[in-house]
PDB file of N, CA and C in Angstrom:
ATOM      1  N   ASN A   1       0.830  -1.193   0.000  1.00  0.00           N
ATOM      2  CA  ASN A   1       0.000   0.000   0.000  1.00  0.00           C
ATOM      3  C   ASN A   1       0.867   1.246   0.000  1.00  0.00           C
ATOM      4  N   LYS A   2       0.393   2.253  -0.705  1.00  0.00           N
ATOM      5  CA  LYS A   2       1.131   3.498  -0.770  1.00  0.00           C
ATOM      6  C   LYS A   2       0.138   4.640  -0.643  1.00  0.00           C
ATOM      7  N   LEU A   3       0.495   5.661   0.090  1.00  0.00           N
ATOM      8  CA  LEU A   3      -0.377   6.804   0.267  1.00  0.00           C
ATOM      9  C   LEU A   3       0.044   7.919  -0.665  1.00  0.00           C
ATOM     10  N   ILE A   4      -0.937   8.570  -1.279  1.00  0.00           N
ATOM     11  CA  ILE A   4      -0.677   9.662  -2.203  1.00  0.00           C
ATOM     12  C   ILE A   4      -1.496  10.864  -1.752  1.00  0.00           C
ATOM     13  N   LYS A   5      -0.849  12.041  -1.637  1.00  0.00           N
ATOM     14  CA  LYS A   5      -1.528  13.252  -1.199  1.00  0.00           C
ATOM     15  C   LYS A   5      -1.979  14.075  -2.404  1.00  0.00           C
ATOM     16  N   ILE A   6      -3.128  14.703  -2.231  1.00  0.00           N
ATOM     17  CA  ILE A   6      -3.631  15.683  -3.190  1.00  0.00           C
ATOM     18  C   ILE A   6      -3.989  16.919  -2.387  1.00  0.00           C
ATOM     19  N   ASN A   7      -3.602  18.085  -2.872  1.00  0.00           N
ATOM     20  CA  ASN A   7      -3.903  19.349  -2.193  1.00  0.00           C
ATOM     21  C   ASN A   7      -3.385  19.393  -0.750  1.00  0.00           C
ATOM     22  N   ASN A   8      -2.327  18.674  -0.476  1.00  0.00           N
ATOM     23  CA  ASN A   8      -1.672  18.654   0.830  1.00  0.00           C
ATOM     24  C   ASN A   8      -2.537  18.186   1.986  1.00  0.00           C
ATOM     25  N   ASN A   9      -3.754  17.696   1.722  1.00  0.00           N
ATOM     26  CA  ASN A   9      -4.564  17.269   2.853  1.00  0.00           C
ATOM     27  C   ASN A   9      -5.429  16.044   2.583  1.00  0.00           C
ATOM     28  N   VAL A  10      -5.484  15.596   1.362  1.00  0.00           N
ATOM     29  CA  VAL A  10      -6.292  14.427   1.051  1.00  0.00           C
ATOM     30  C   VAL A  10      -5.356  13.283   0.708  1.00  0.00           C
ATOM     31  N   VAL A  11      -5.595  12.128   1.296  1.00  0.00           N
ATOM     32  CA  VAL A  11      -4.725  10.987   1.075  1.00  0.00           C
ATOM     33  C   VAL A  11      -5.527   9.865   0.431  1.00  0.00           C
ATOM     34  N   LEU A  12      -4.972   9.312  -0.651  1.00  0.00           N
ATOM     35  CA  LEU A  12      -5.583   8.171  -1.326  1.00  0.00           C
ATOM     36  C   LEU A  12      -4.742   6.941  -1.073  1.00  0.00           C
ATOM     37  N   ASN A  13      -5.374   5.810  -0.939  1.00  0.00           N
ATOM     38  CA  ASN A  13      -4.685   4.553  -0.693  1.00  0.00           C
ATOM     39  C   ASN A  13      -4.416   3.850  -2.017  1.00  0.00           C
ATOM     40  N   LYS A  14      -3.188   3.454  -2.253  1.00  0.00           N
ATOM     41  CA  LYS A  14      -2.830   2.728  -3.463  1.00  0.00           C
ATOM     42  C   LYS A  14      -2.713   1.255  -3.119  1.00  0.00           C
ATOM     43  N   ASN A  15      -3.540   0.440  -3.740  1.00  0.00           N
ATOM     44  CA  ASN A  15      -3.531  -0.990  -3.472  1.00  0.00           C
ATOM     45  C   ASN A  15      -3.583  -1.699  -4.813  1.00  0.00           C
ATOM     46  N   LEU A  16      -2.435  -2.122  -5.313  1.00  0.00           N
ATOM     47  CA  LEU A  16      -2.364  -2.735  -6.634  1.00  0.00           C
ATOM     48  C   LEU A  16      -2.524  -4.242  -6.547  1.00  0.00           C
ATOM     49  N   LEU A  17      -3.255  -4.792  -7.491  1.00  0.00           N
ATOM     50  CA  LEU A  17      -3.490  -6.225  -7.556  1.00  0.00           C
ATOM     51  C   LEU A  17      -3.008  -6.739  -8.896  1.00  0.00           C
ATOM     52  N   ARG A  18      -2.178  -7.731  -8.899  1.00  0.00           N
ATOM     53  CA  ARG A  18      -1.677  -8.318 -10.134  1.00  0.00           C
ATOM     54  C   ARG A  18      -1.911  -9.823 -10.099  1.00  0.00           C
ATOM     55  N   ASN A  19      -2.134 -10.415 -11.255  1.00  0.00           N
ATOM     56  CA  ASN A  19      -2.360 -11.848 -11.365  1.00  0.00           C
ATOM     57  C   ASN A  19      -1.190 -12.448 -12.142  1.00  0.00           C
ATOM     58  N   ASN A  20      -0.105 -12.744 -11.472  1.00  0.00           N
ATOM     59  CA  ASN A  20       1.103 -13.294 -12.097  1.00  0.00           C
ATOM     60  C   ASN A  20       1.559 -12.447 -13.279  1.00  0.00           C
ATOM     61  N   ASN A  21       1.404 -11.117 -13.177  1.00  0.00           N
ATOM     62  CA  ASN A  21       1.803 -10.176 -14.217  1.00  0.00           C
ATOM     63  C   ASN A  21       1.164 -10.461 -15.562  1.00  0.00           C
ATOM     64  N   ARG A  22       0.011 -11.139 -15.574  1.00  0.00           N
ATOM     65  CA  ARG A  22      -0.732 -11.361 -16.810  1.00  0.00           C
ATOM     66  C   ARG A  22      -2.046 -10.616 -16.704  1.00  0.00           C
ATOM     67  N   LEU A  23      -2.504 -10.111 -17.816  1.00  0.00           N
ATOM     68  CA  LEU A  23      -3.739  -9.363 -17.840  1.00  0.00           C
ATOM     69  C   LEU A  23      -4.744 -10.065 -18.731  1.00  0.00           C
ATOM     70  N   PHE A  24      -5.935 -10.211 -18.241  1.00  0.00           N
ATOM     71  CA  PHE A  24      -6.989 -10.839 -19.023  1.00  0.00           C
ATOM     72  C   PHE A  24      -8.018  -9.786 -19.399  1.00  0.00           C
ATOM     73  N   VAL A  25      -8.260  -9.618 -20.687  1.00  0.00           N
ATOM     74  CA  VAL A  25      -9.258  -8.690 -21.191  1.00  0.00           C
ATOM     75  C   VAL A  25     -10.337  -9.533 -21.833  1.00  0.00           C
ATOM     76  N   GLY A  26     -11.536  -9.495 -21.273  1.00  0.00           N
ATOM     77  CA  GLY A  26     -12.583 -10.378 -21.762  1.00  0.00           C
ATOM     78  C   GLY A  26     -12.151 -11.811 -21.502  1.00  0.00           C
ATOM     79  N   SER A  27     -12.213 -12.639 -22.530  1.00  0.00           N
ATOM     80  CA  SER A  27     -11.824 -14.036 -22.354  1.00  0.00           C
ATOM     81  C   SER A  27     -10.447 -14.328 -22.936  1.00  0.00           C
ATOM     82  N   SER A  28      -9.773 -13.291 -23.426  1.00  0.00           N
ATOM     83  CA  SER A  28      -8.475 -13.533 -24.052  1.00  0.00           C
ATOM     84  C   SER A  28      -7.345 -12.956 -23.219  1.00  0.00           C
ATOM     85  N   ASN A  29      -6.183 -13.561 -23.307  1.00  0.00           N
ATOM     86  CA  ASN A  29      -5.002 -13.090 -22.602  1.00  0.00           C
ATOM     87  C   ASN A  29      -4.283 -12.090 -23.512  1.00  0.00           C
ATOM     88  N   VAL A  30      -4.207 -10.853 -23.083  1.00  0.00           N
ATOM     89  CA  VAL A  30      -3.565  -9.810 -23.878  1.00  0.00           C
ATOM     90  C   VAL A  30      -2.223  -9.497 -23.236  1.00  0.00           C
ATOM     91  N   SER A  31      -1.162  -9.538 -24.024  1.00  0.00           N
ATOM     92  CA  SER A  31       0.140  -9.340 -23.406  1.00  0.00           C
ATOM     93  C   SER A  31       1.005  -8.299 -24.103  1.00  0.00           C
ATOM     94  N   SER A  32       0.522  -7.684 -25.186  1.00  0.00           N
ATOM     95  CA  SER A  32       1.370  -6.711 -25.866  1.00  0.00           C
ATOM     96  C   SER A  32       0.609  -5.424 -26.114  1.00  0.00           C
ATOM     97  N   LEU A  33       1.351  -4.351 -26.202  1.00  0.00           N
ATOM     98  CA  LEU A  33       0.811  -3.020 -26.419  1.00  0.00           C
ATOM     99  C   LEU A  33       1.594  -2.394 -27.556  1.00  0.00           C
ATOM    100  N   ASP A  34       0.903  -2.000 -28.636  1.00  0.00           N
ATOM    101  CA  ASP A  34       1.629  -1.431 -29.767  1.00  0.00           C
ATOM    102  C   ASP A  34       2.199  -0.060 -29.395  1.00  0.00           C
ATOM    103  N   ASP A  35       3.282   0.311 -30.068  1.00  0.00           N
ATOM    104  CA  ASP A  35       4.009   1.532 -29.730  1.00  0.00           C
ATOM    105  C   ASP A  35       3.163   2.788 -29.870  1.00  0.00           C
ATOM    106  N   ALA A  36       2.309   2.847 -30.886  1.00  0.00           N
ATOM    107  CA  ALA A  36       1.481   4.034 -31.103  1.00  0.00           C
ATOM    108  C   ALA A  36       0.496   4.232 -29.957  1.00  0.00           C
ATOM    109  N   THR A  37      -0.146   3.163 -29.531  1.00  0.00           N
ATOM    110  CA  THR A  37      -1.101   3.259 -28.425  1.00  0.00           C
ATOM    111  C   THR A  37      -0.384   3.587 -27.126  1.00  0.00           C
ATOM    112  N   LYS A  38       0.750   2.950 -26.892  1.00  0.00           N
ATOM    113  CA  LYS A  38       1.541   3.249 -25.698  1.00  0.00           C
ATOM    114  C   LYS A  38       1.944   4.718 -25.681  1.00  0.00           C
ATOM    115  N   GLY A  39       2.331   5.234 -26.839  1.00  0.00           N
ATOM    116  CA  GLY A  39       2.716   6.641 -26.941  1.00  0.00           C
ATOM    117  C   GLY A  39       1.560   7.577 -26.616  1.00  0.00           C
ATOM    118  N   LYS A  40       0.361   7.263 -27.106  1.00  0.00           N
ATOM    119  CA  LYS A  40      -0.815   8.083 -26.804  1.00  0.00           C
ATOM    120  C   LYS A  40      -1.109   8.085 -25.311  1.00  0.00           C
ATOM    121  N   ILE A  41      -1.066   6.905 -24.715  1.00  0.00           N
ATOM    122  CA  ILE A  41      -1.335   6.784 -23.279  1.00  0.00           C
ATOM    123  C   ILE A  41      -0.303   7.580 -22.478  1.00  0.00           C
ATOM    124  N   GLU A  42       0.971   7.394 -22.791  1.00  0.00           N
ATOM    125  CA  GLU A  42       2.025   8.099 -22.059  1.00  0.00           C
ATOM    126  C   GLU A  42       1.943   9.600 -22.250  1.00  0.00           C
ATOM    127  N   ASN A  43       1.553  10.049 -23.429  1.00  0.00           N
ATOM    128  CA  ASN A  43       1.400  11.478 -23.690  1.00  0.00           C
ATOM    129  C   ASN A  43       0.339  12.080 -22.765  1.00  0.00           C
ATOM    130  N   VAL A  44      -0.784  11.409 -22.642  1.00  0.00           N
ATOM    131  CA  VAL A  44      -1.851  11.894 -21.765  1.00  0.00           C
ATOM    132  C   VAL A  44      -1.394  11.889 -20.311  1.00  0.00           C
ATOM    133  N   ILE A  45      -0.783  10.811 -19.879  1.00  0.00           N
ATOM    134  CA  ILE A  45      -0.339  10.693 -18.486  1.00  0.00           C
ATOM    135  C   ILE A  45       0.746  11.714 -18.166  1.00  0.00           C
ATOM    136  N   ASN A  46       1.687  11.905 -19.089  1.00  0.00           N
ATOM    137  CA  ASN A  46       2.804  12.818 -18.853  1.00  0.00           C
ATOM    138  C   ASN A  46       2.405  14.290 -18.899  1.00  0.00           C
ATOM    139  N   ASN A  47       1.296  14.601 -19.566  1.00  0.00           N
ATOM    140  CA  ASN A  47       0.896  15.996 -19.739  1.00  0.00           C
ATOM    141  C   ASN A  47      -0.270  16.428 -18.860  1.00  0.00           C
ATOM    142  N   ASN A  48      -0.676  15.569 -17.939  1.00  0.00           N
ATOM    143  CA  ASN A  48      -1.769  15.903 -17.030  1.00  0.00           C
ATOM    144  C   ASN A  48      -1.419  15.426 -15.630  1.00  0.00           C
ATOM    145  N   LYS A  49      -1.529  16.321 -14.661  1.00  0.00           N
ATOM    146  CA  LYS A  49      -1.204  15.953 -13.279  1.00  0.00           C
ATOM    147  C   LYS A  49      -2.122  14.838 -12.787  1.00  0.00           C
ATOM    148  N   ILE A  50      -3.423  14.973 -13.093  1.00  0.00           N
ATOM    149  CA  ILE A  50      -4.405  13.968 -12.694  1.00  0.00           C
ATOM    150  C   ILE A  50      -5.233  13.609 -13.921  1.00  0.00           C
ATOM    151  N   VAL A  51      -5.257  12.333 -14.263  1.00  0.00           N
ATOM    152  CA  VAL A  51      -6.041  11.886 -15.415  1.00  0.00           C
ATOM    153  C   VAL A  51      -6.763  10.587 -15.064  1.00  0.00           C
ATOM    154  N   LEU A  52      -8.029  10.538 -15.487  1.00  0.00           N
ATOM    155  CA  LEU A  52      -8.860   9.369 -15.240  1.00  0.00           C
ATOM    156  C   LEU A  52      -9.254   8.761 -16.579  1.00  0.00           C
ATOM    157  N   PHE A  53      -8.813   7.540 -16.834  1.00  0.00           N
ATOM    158  CA  PHE A  53      -9.255   6.772 -17.992  1.00  0.00           C
ATOM    159  C   PHE A  53     -10.565   6.121 -17.566  1.00  0.00           C
ATOM    160  N   MET A  54     -11.638   6.436 -18.281  1.00  0.00           N
ATOM    161  CA  MET A  54     -12.960   6.042 -17.821  1.00  0.00           C
ATOM    162  C   MET A  54     -13.899   5.774 -18.986  1.00  0.00           C
ATOM    163  N   LYS A  55     -15.072   5.252 -18.656  1.00  0.00           N
ATOM    164  CA  LYS A  55     -16.128   5.090 -19.648  1.00  0.00           C
ATOM    165  C   LYS A  55     -16.988   6.341 -19.586  1.00  0.00           C
ATOM    166  N   GLY A  56     -16.980   7.109 -20.670  1.00  0.00           N
ATOM    167  CA  GLY A  56     -17.658   8.392 -20.713  1.00  0.00           C
ATOM    168  C   GLY A  56     -16.686   9.504 -20.368  1.00  0.00           C
ATOM    169  N   ASN A  57     -17.211  10.620 -19.877  1.00  0.00           N
ATOM    170  CA  ASN A  57     -16.363  11.735 -19.449  1.00  0.00           C
ATOM    171  C   ASN A  57     -16.907  12.289 -18.143  1.00  0.00           C
ATOM    172  N   LYS A  58     -16.206  13.250 -17.569  1.00  0.00           N
ATOM    173  CA  LYS A  58     -16.594  13.713 -16.238  1.00  0.00           C
ATOM    174  C   LYS A  58     -17.974  14.365 -16.210  1.00  0.00           C
ATOM    175  N   LEU A  59     -18.442  14.872 -17.340  1.00  0.00           N
ATOM    176  CA  LEU A  59     -19.783  15.455 -17.391  1.00  0.00           C
ATOM    177  C   LEU A  59     -20.869  14.417 -17.657  1.00  0.00           C
ATOM    178  N   PHE A  60     -20.474  13.285 -18.268  1.00  0.00           N
ATOM    179  CA  PHE A  60     -21.440  12.238 -18.593  1.00  0.00           C
ATOM    180  C   PHE A  60     -20.792  10.860 -18.460  1.00  0.00           C
ATOM    181  N   PRO A  61     -20.541  10.423 -17.217  1.00  0.00           N
ATOM    182  CA  PRO A  61     -19.984   9.079 -17.011  1.00  0.00           C
ATOM    183  C   PRO A  61     -20.956   8.029 -17.544  1.00  0.00           C
ATOM    184  N   GLN A  62     -20.413   6.978 -18.156  1.00  0.00           N
ATOM    185  CA  GLN A  62     -21.257   5.950 -18.741  1.00  0.00           C
ATOM    186  C   GLN A  62     -21.119   4.605 -18.030  1.00  0.00           C
ATOM    187  N   CYS A  63     -20.696   4.645 -16.788  1.00  0.00           N
ATOM    188  CA  CYS A  63     -20.653   3.443 -15.961  1.00  0.00           C
ATOM    189  C   CYS A  63     -20.618   3.887 -14.511  1.00  0.00           C
ATOM    190  N   GLY A  64     -21.186   3.074 -13.640  1.00  0.00           N
ATOM    191  CA  GLY A  64     -21.267   3.432 -12.232  1.00  0.00           C
ATOM    192  C   GLY A  64     -19.917   3.610 -11.563  1.00  0.00           C
ATOM    193  N   PHE A  65     -18.947   2.769 -11.909  1.00  0.00           N
ATOM    194  CA  PHE A  65     -17.615   2.874 -11.308  1.00  0.00           C
ATOM    195  C   PHE A  65     -16.907   4.154 -11.766  1.00  0.00           C
ATOM    196  N   SER A  66     -17.048   4.485 -13.049  1.00  0.00           N
ATOM    197  CA  SER A  66     -16.473   5.733 -13.563  1.00  0.00           C
ATOM    198  C   SER A  66     -17.130   6.925 -12.880  1.00  0.00           C
ATOM    199  N   ASN A  67     -18.442   6.870 -12.698  1.00  0.00           N
ATOM    200  CA  ASN A  67     -19.164   7.940 -12.017  1.00  0.00           C
ATOM    201  C   ASN A  67     -18.650   8.100 -10.589  1.00  0.00           C
ATOM    202  N   THR A  68     -18.451   6.993  -9.883  1.00  0.00           N
ATOM    203  CA  THR A  68     -17.941   7.043  -8.509  1.00  0.00           C
ATOM    204  C   THR A  68     -16.579   7.724  -8.453  1.00  0.00           C
ATOM    205  N   ALA A  69     -15.679   7.348  -9.364  1.00  0.00           N
ATOM    206  CA  ALA A  69     -14.338   7.949  -9.389  1.00  0.00           C
ATOM    207  C   ALA A  69     -14.429   9.453  -9.655  1.00  0.00           C
ATOM    208  N   CYS A  70     -15.302   9.857 -10.577  1.00  0.00           N
ATOM    209  CA  CYS A  70     -15.477  11.287 -10.873  1.00  0.00           C
ATOM    210  C   CYS A  70     -16.008  12.043  -9.666  1.00  0.00           C
ATOM    211  N   ARG A  71     -16.988  11.472  -8.981  1.00  0.00           N
ATOM    212  CA  ARG A  71     -17.574  12.165  -7.821  1.00  0.00           C
ATOM    213  C   ARG A  71     -16.535  12.331  -6.721  1.00  0.00           C
ATOM    214  N   ILE A  72     -15.678  11.347  -6.537  1.00  0.00           N
ATOM    215  CA  ILE A  72     -14.600  11.465  -5.541  1.00  0.00           C
ATOM    216  C   ILE A  72     -13.660  12.591  -5.929  1.00  0.00           C
ATOM    217  N   LEU A  73     -13.239  12.619  -7.172  1.00  0.00           N
ATOM    218  CA  LEU A  73     -12.331  13.674  -7.634  1.00  0.00           C
ATOM    219  C   LEU A  73     -13.000  15.043  -7.580  1.00  0.00           C
ATOM    220  N   ASP A  74     -14.285  15.116  -7.948  1.00  0.00           N
ATOM    221  CA  ASP A  74     -15.007  16.388  -7.877  1.00  0.00           C
ATOM    222  C   ASP A  74     -15.053  16.910  -6.443  1.00  0.00           C
ATOM    223  N   ALA A  75     -15.223  16.010  -5.475  1.00  0.00           N
ATOM    224  CA  ALA A  75     -15.290  16.408  -4.070  1.00  0.00           C
ATOM    225  C   ALA A  75     -13.971  17.005  -3.587  1.00  0.00           C
ATOM    226  N   LEU A  76     -12.874  16.673  -4.262  1.00  0.00           N
ATOM    227  CA  LEU A  76     -11.558  17.195  -3.888  1.00  0.00           C
ATOM    228  C   LEU A  76     -11.312  18.602  -4.432  1.00  0.00           C
ATOM    229  N   ASN A  77     -12.198  19.060  -5.325  1.00  0.00           N
ATOM    230  CA  ASN A  77     -12.048  20.384  -5.954  1.00  0.00           C
ATOM    231  C   ASN A  77     -10.677  20.556  -6.600  1.00  0.00           C
ATOM    232  N   THR A  78     -10.214  19.517  -7.239  1.00  0.00           N
ATOM    233  CA  THR A  78      -8.928  19.525  -7.927  1.00  0.00           C
ATOM    234  C   THR A  78      -9.170  19.292  -9.409  1.00  0.00           C
ATOM    235  N   PRO A  79      -8.569  20.091 -10.269  1.00  0.00           N
ATOM    236  CA  PRO A  79      -8.761  19.872 -11.710  1.00  0.00           C
ATOM    237  C   PRO A  79      -8.200  18.514 -12.144  1.00  0.00           C
ATOM    238  N   TYR A  80      -8.923  17.860 -13.034  1.00  0.00           N
ATOM    239  CA  TYR A  80      -8.456  16.592 -13.580  1.00  0.00           C
ATOM    240  C   TYR A  80      -8.988  16.443 -14.994  1.00  0.00           C
ATOM    241  N   GLU A  81      -8.293  15.639 -15.763  1.00  0.00           N
ATOM    242  CA  GLU A  81      -8.692  15.349 -17.134  1.00  0.00           C
ATOM    243  C   GLU A  81      -9.248  13.943 -17.200  1.00  0.00           C
ATOM    244  N   THR A  82     -10.071  13.696 -18.200  1.00  0.00           N
ATOM    245  CA  THR A  82     -10.601  12.353 -18.413  1.00  0.00           C
ATOM    246  C   THR A  82     -10.330  11.913 -19.846  1.00  0.00           C
ATOM    247  N   VAL A  83     -10.221  10.613 -20.026  1.00  0.00           N
ATOM    248  CA  VAL A  83     -10.096   9.998 -21.345  1.00  0.00           C
ATOM    249  C   VAL A  83     -11.231   8.992 -21.457  1.00  0.00           C
ATOM    250  N   ASN A  84     -12.080   9.175 -22.459  1.00  0.00           N
ATOM    251  CA  ASN A  84     -13.203   8.269 -22.685  1.00  0.00           C
ATOM    252  C   ASN A  84     -12.706   7.064 -23.465  1.00  0.00           C
ATOM    253  N   VAL A  85     -12.539   5.951 -22.786  1.00  0.00           N
ATOM    254  CA  VAL A  85     -12.004   4.748 -23.431  1.00  0.00           C
ATOM    255  C   VAL A  85     -12.995   4.126 -24.406  1.00  0.00           C
ATOM    256  N   LEU A  86     -14.251   4.519 -24.328  1.00  0.00           N
ATOM    257  CA  LEU A  86     -15.253   3.988 -25.254  1.00  0.00           C
ATOM    258  C   LEU A  86     -15.067   4.523 -26.669  1.00  0.00           C
ATOM    259  N   GLU A  87     -14.300   5.595 -26.797  1.00  0.00           N
ATOM    260  CA  GLU A  87     -14.057   6.194 -28.109  1.00  0.00           C
ATOM    261  C   GLU A  87     -12.932   5.517 -28.881  1.00  0.00           C
ATOM    262  N   ASP A  88     -12.129   4.690 -28.218  1.00  0.00           N
ATOM    263  CA  ASP A  88     -10.977   4.085 -28.876  1.00  0.00           C
ATOM    264  C   ASP A  88     -10.671   2.731 -28.219  1.00  0.00           C
ATOM    265  N   ASP A  89     -10.977   1.648 -28.942  1.00  0.00           N
ATOM    266  CA  ASP A  89     -10.741   0.309 -28.393  1.00  0.00           C
ATOM    267  C   ASP A  89      -9.271   0.052 -28.078  1.00  0.00           C
ATOM    268  N   LYS A  90      -8.364   0.647 -28.848  1.00  0.00           N
ATOM    269  CA  LYS A  90      -6.937   0.441 -28.573  1.00  0.00           C
ATOM    270  C   LYS A  90      -6.552   1.057 -27.230  1.00  0.00           C
ATOM    271  N   ILE A  91      -7.097   2.222 -26.937  1.00  0.00           N
ATOM    272  CA  ILE A  91      -6.844   2.846 -25.634  1.00  0.00           C
ATOM    273  C   ILE A  91      -7.538   2.044 -24.538  1.00  0.00           C
ATOM    274  N   ARG A  92      -8.773   1.619 -24.802  1.00  0.00           N
ATOM    275  CA  ARG A  92      -9.543   0.859 -23.810  1.00  0.00           C
ATOM    276  C   ARG A  92      -8.801  -0.406 -23.381  1.00  0.00           C
ATOM    277  N   ASN A  93      -8.284  -1.158 -24.322  1.00  0.00           N
ATOM    278  CA  ASN A  93      -7.535  -2.367 -23.988  1.00  0.00           C
ATOM    279  C   ASN A  93      -6.091  -2.056 -23.615  1.00  0.00           C
ATOM    280  N   GLY A  94      -5.518  -1.055 -24.252  1.00  0.00           N
ATOM    281  CA  GLY A  94      -4.124  -0.710 -24.014  1.00  0.00           C
ATOM    282  C   GLY A  94      -3.844  -0.211 -22.611  1.00  0.00           C
ATOM    283  N   ILE A  95      -4.767   0.570 -22.045  1.00  0.00           N
ATOM    284  CA  ILE A  95      -4.540   1.092 -20.697  1.00  0.00           C
ATOM    285  C   ILE A  95      -4.518  -0.041 -19.683  1.00  0.00           C
ATOM    286  N   LYS A  96      -5.268  -1.103 -19.953  1.00  0.00           N
ATOM    287  CA  LYS A  96      -5.266  -2.264 -19.059  1.00  0.00           C
ATOM    288  C   LYS A  96      -3.920  -2.978 -19.097  1.00  0.00           C
ATOM    289  N   ILE A  97      -3.332  -3.047 -20.264  1.00  0.00           N
ATOM    290  CA  ILE A  97      -2.010  -3.656 -20.412  1.00  0.00           C
ATOM    291  C   ILE A  97      -0.952  -2.754 -19.791  1.00  0.00           C
ATOM    292  N   TYR A  98      -1.049  -1.462 -20.085  1.00  0.00           N
ATOM    293  CA  TYR A  98      -0.077  -0.482 -19.596  1.00  0.00           C
ATOM    294  C   TYR A  98       0.056  -0.535 -18.072  1.00  0.00           C
ATOM    295  N   SER A  99      -1.073  -0.644 -17.385  1.00  0.00           N
ATOM    296  CA  SER A  99      -1.071  -0.615 -15.923  1.00  0.00           C
ATOM    297  C   SER A  99      -1.047  -2.003 -15.279  1.00  0.00           C
ATOM    298  N   SER A 100      -1.263  -3.049 -16.078  1.00  0.00           N
ATOM    299  CA  SER A 100      -1.451  -4.401 -15.541  1.00  0.00           C
ATOM    300  C   SER A 100      -2.626  -4.447 -14.569  1.00  0.00           C
ATOM    301  N   TRP A 101      -3.639  -3.666 -14.871  1.00  0.00           N
ATOM    302  CA  TRP A 101      -4.861  -3.604 -14.061  1.00  0.00           C
ATOM    303  C   TRP A 101      -6.028  -3.896 -14.991  1.00  0.00           C
ATOM    304  N   PRO A 102      -6.864  -4.884 -14.688  1.00  0.00           N
ATOM    305  CA  PRO A 102      -7.835  -5.376 -15.673  1.00  0.00           C
ATOM    306  C   PRO A 102      -9.139  -4.590 -15.818  1.00  0.00           C
ATOM    307  N   THR A 103      -9.327  -3.551 -15.009  1.00  0.00           N
ATOM    308  CA  THR A 103     -10.618  -2.862 -15.063  1.00  0.00           C
ATOM    309  C   THR A 103     -10.469  -1.367 -15.302  1.00  0.00           C
ATOM    310  N   ILE A 104     -11.592  -0.772 -15.672  1.00  0.00           N
ATOM    311  CA  ILE A 104     -11.696   0.676 -15.877  1.00  0.00           C
ATOM    312  C   ILE A 104     -12.794   1.143 -14.942  1.00  0.00           C
ATOM    313  N   PRO A 105     -12.632   2.278 -14.284  1.00  0.00           N
ATOM    314  CA  PRO A 105     -11.710   3.378 -14.538  1.00  0.00           C
ATOM    315  C   PRO A 105     -10.316   3.134 -13.963  1.00  0.00           C
ATOM    316  N   GLN A 106      -9.382   3.958 -14.459  1.00  0.00           N
ATOM    317  CA  GLN A 106      -8.012   3.933 -13.959  1.00  0.00           C
ATOM    318  C   GLN A 106      -7.556   5.370 -13.732  1.00  0.00           C
ATOM    319  N   LEU A 107      -7.048   5.633 -12.542  1.00  0.00           N
ATOM    320  CA  LEU A 107      -6.623   6.969 -12.152  1.00  0.00           C
ATOM    321  C   LEU A 107      -5.101   7.047 -12.081  1.00  0.00           C
ATOM    322  N   TYR A 108      -4.552   8.102 -12.700  1.00  0.00           N
ATOM    323  CA  TYR A 108      -3.120   8.394 -12.634  1.00  0.00           C
ATOM    324  C   TYR A 108      -2.939   9.764 -11.998  1.00  0.00           C
ATOM    325  N   ILE A 109      -2.046   9.823 -11.010  1.00  0.00           N
ATOM    326  CA  ILE A 109      -1.700  11.084 -10.362  1.00  0.00           C
ATOM    327  C   ILE A 109      -0.187  11.223 -10.416  1.00  0.00           C
ATOM    328  N   ASN A 110       0.260  12.356 -10.944  1.00  0.00           N
ATOM    329  CA  ASN A 110       1.707  12.605 -11.096  1.00  0.00           C
ATOM    330  C   ASN A 110       2.390  11.443 -11.808  1.00  0.00           C
ATOM    331  N   LYS A 111       1.781  10.973 -12.889  1.00  0.00           N
ATOM    332  CA  LYS A 111       2.322   9.917 -13.755  1.00  0.00           C
ATOM    333  C   LYS A 111       2.318   8.536 -13.105  1.00  0.00           C
ATOM    334  N   GLU A 112       1.662   8.395 -11.967  1.00  0.00           N
ATOM    335  CA  GLU A 112       1.653   7.116 -11.263  1.00  0.00           C
ATOM    336  C   GLU A 112       0.236   6.546 -11.187  1.00  0.00           C
ATOM    337  N   PHE A 113       0.092   5.271 -11.520  1.00  0.00           N
ATOM    338  CA  PHE A 113      -1.198   4.614 -11.420  1.00  0.00           C
ATOM    339  C   PHE A 113      -1.593   4.473  -9.959  1.00  0.00           C
ATOM    340  N   VAL A 114      -2.811   4.919  -9.633  1.00  0.00           N
ATOM    341  CA  VAL A 114      -3.287   4.884  -8.259  1.00  0.00           C
ATOM    342  C   VAL A 114      -4.290   3.768  -8.048  1.00  0.00           C
ATOM    343  N   GLY A 115      -5.204   3.572  -8.998  1.00  0.00           N
ATOM    344  CA  GLY A 115      -6.223   2.539  -8.869  1.00  0.00           C
ATOM    345  C   GLY A 115      -7.446   2.907  -9.678  1.00  0.00           C
ATOM    346  N   GLY A 116      -8.559   2.285  -9.331  1.00  0.00           N
ATOM    347  CA  GLY A 116      -9.812   2.546 -10.027  1.00  0.00           C
ATOM    348  C   GLY A 116     -10.771   3.289  -9.128  1.00  0.00           C
ATOM    349  N   SER A 117     -12.026   2.849  -9.106  1.00  0.00           N
ATOM    350  CA  SER A 117     -13.006   3.548  -8.258  1.00  0.00           C
ATOM    351  C   SER A 117     -12.802   3.196  -6.787  1.00  0.00           C
ATOM    352  N   ASP A 118     -11.813   2.360  -6.504  1.00  0.00           N
ATOM    353  CA  ASP A 118     -11.460   2.008  -5.127  1.00  0.00           C
ATOM    354  C   ASP A 118     -10.546   3.039  -4.477  1.00  0.00           C
ATOM    355  N   ILE A 119     -10.289   4.162  -5.177  1.00  0.00           N
ATOM    356  CA  ILE A 119      -9.386   5.171  -4.642  1.00  0.00           C
ATOM    357  C   ILE A 119      -9.868   5.710  -3.327  1.00  0.00           C
TER     358      ILE A 119
END
């Protein structure tokens, strides 16, 4: 577990879960990430202090877990960006490989993966 501060007073718990460093997307085992998709993901993460890869966007979440993550971030009154993974299947599957985390949403703070709606 790792603690991450936001706004010098809010602490989030980081609890990463891995399954023998393999990621399962749907019923298939996905183990590679193409360079173009990896580059897009890293560009977003590197250029935003807080970014949430989610289904929908912060104004219109399209899944309950994504909505929960947005409401938590909104309560912190901290600016954050969102990436709608429903718009690009390569990003949707690629972010799962990139983080070795099988579900969405995924939150990155200061270029570090924090977790999903369990933040």
